[in-house]
């Protein structure tokens, strides 16, 4: 439906530094409201990432919900923090090869 979810503190949640995080549901085209700092940061991120005119105009917090982190093992945590399986495998290969890229 065009909504976005912004999760301030997601990295700390994945790292195990927090047990939960509040997520903001952002709805394009309705004006900026809610917690000013988080919503403004999310609005800027969505505007930069989106080509849709409605998303680039204004964004409002349509609601919030709480996320709880499941138990993660070290590998799962590293994979999520790497951002993708490709990044995780690239970093793992670099570690195993002593930091050389594709040699």
Protein backbone atom coordinates (compact mmCIF):
# COMPACT_ATOMS: atom_id res chain seq x y z
CA UNK A 1 0.00 0.00 0.00
CA UNK A 2 3.04 2.32 -0.21
CA UNK A 3 3.79 2.55 3.51
CA UNK A 4 7.34 2.32 4.84
CA UNK A 5 8.64 0.99 8.16
CA UNK A 6 11.45 2.88 9.88
CA UNK A 7 13.19 1.15 12.80
CA UNK A 8 15.48 3.45 14.79
CA UNK A 9 18.02 1.37 16.71
CA UNK A 10 17.71 -1.77 14.56
CA UNK A 11 21.48 -2.32 14.66
CA UNK A 12 21.49 -2.33 18.48
CA UNK A 13 18.56 -4.75 18.46
CA UNK A 14 20.39 -7.17 16.16
CA UNK A 15 23.62 -6.79 18.18
CA UNK A 16 21.73 -7.90 21.28
CA UNK A 17 22.24 -4.53 23.01
CA UNK A 18 18.45 -4.07 23.22
CA UNK A 19 15.61 -6.53 23.68
CA UNK A 20 13.05 -4.53 21.68
CA UNK A 21 12.70 -1.52 19.38
CA UNK A 22 9.82 0.74 18.42
CA UNK A 23 9.10 0.81 14.69
CA UNK A 24 7.35 3.70 12.93
CA UNK A 25 4.90 3.12 10.10
CA UNK A 26 5.42 5.97 7.62
CA UNK A 27 2.75 6.92 5.12
CA UNK A 28 3.74 9.11 2.13
CA UNK A 29 1.67 12.11 1.17
CA UNK A 30 0.10 13.01 4.51
CA UNK A 31 2.49 15.54 6.11
CA UNK A 32 5.19 15.03 8.72
CA UNK A 33 4.04 14.22 12.25
CA UNK A 34 5.12 12.09 15.19
CA UNK A 35 8.56 12.20 16.82
CA UNK A 36 10.30 14.99 14.84
CA UNK A 37 13.83 13.60 14.77
CA UNK A 38 13.00 10.01 13.83
CA UNK A 39 10.30 10.94 11.34
CA UNK A 40 12.46 13.60 9.67
CA UNK A 41 15.37 11.15 9.36
CA UNK A 42 13.06 8.49 7.95
CA UNK A 43 11.48 10.99 5.58
CA UNK A 44 14.89 11.98 4.26
CA UNK A 45 15.86 8.32 3.78
CA UNK A 46 12.63 7.50 1.97
CA UNK A 47 12.90 10.64 -0.18
CA UNK A 48 16.46 9.75 -1.17
CA UNK A 49 15.56 6.14 -1.96
CA UNK A 50 12.24 6.69 -3.71
CA UNK A 51 11.46 7.98 -7.16
CA UNK A 52 7.73 8.23 -6.47
CA UNK A 53 6.55 11.85 -6.31
CA UNK A 54 4.18 11.12 -3.43
CA UNK A 55 6.93 9.62 -1.30
CA UNK A 56 9.23 12.53 -2.06
CA UNK A 57 6.69 15.13 -0.96
CA UNK A 58 5.65 14.50 2.65
CA UNK A 59 5.59 11.55 5.05
CA UNK A 60 3.69 11.00 8.30
CA UNK A 61 3.96 8.49 11.10
CA UNK A 62 0.77 6.47 10.69
CA UNK A 63 1.45 4.36 13.76
CA UNK A 64 4.02 2.47 15.77
CA UNK A 65 4.60 -1.08 16.89
CA UNK A 66 7.18 -2.87 19.04
CA UNK A 67 9.64 -5.39 17.60
CA UNK A 68 11.28 -8.01 19.78
CA UNK A 69 14.49 -9.67 18.66
CA UNK A 70 14.53 -13.45 18.44
CA UNK A 71 17.46 -15.39 19.82
CA UNK A 72 20.21 -15.15 17.20
CA UNK A 73 23.41 -17.16 17.03
CA UNK A 74 26.66 -15.45 16.04
CA UNK A 75 26.41 -16.39 12.36
CA UNK A 76 22.84 -15.13 12.04
CA UNK A 77 23.81 -11.88 13.77
CA UNK A 78 26.82 -11.37 11.43
CA UNK A 79 24.72 -12.08 8.35
CA UNK A 80 22.03 -9.56 9.31
CA UNK A 81 24.60 -6.90 10.22
CA UNK A 82 26.41 -7.44 6.89
CA UNK A 83 23.20 -6.45 5.12
CA UNK A 84 23.00 -9.38 2.71
CA UNK A 85 24.25 -12.90 2.11
CA UNK A 86 26.53 -11.57 -0.65
CA UNK A 87 28.20 -9.10 1.73
CA UNK A 88 28.48 -11.76 4.44
CA UNK A 89 30.17 -14.25 2.08
CA UNK A 90 32.49 -11.58 0.65
CA UNK A 91 33.58 -10.54 4.15
CA UNK A 92 34.05 -14.18 5.16
CA UNK A 93 36.24 -14.85 2.10
CA UNK A 94 38.32 -11.77 2.89
CA UNK A 95 38.85 -12.96 6.45
CA UNK A 96 39.84 -16.44 5.29
CA UNK A 97 42.24 -15.11 2.62
CA UNK A 98 43.93 -12.69 4.96
CA UNK A 99 42.23 -9.58 3.55
CA UNK A 100 43.08 -10.10 -0.13
CA UNK A 101 40.33 -9.40 -2.66
CA UNK A 102 39.83 -12.23 -5.13
CA UNK A 103 43.51 -13.19 -5.42
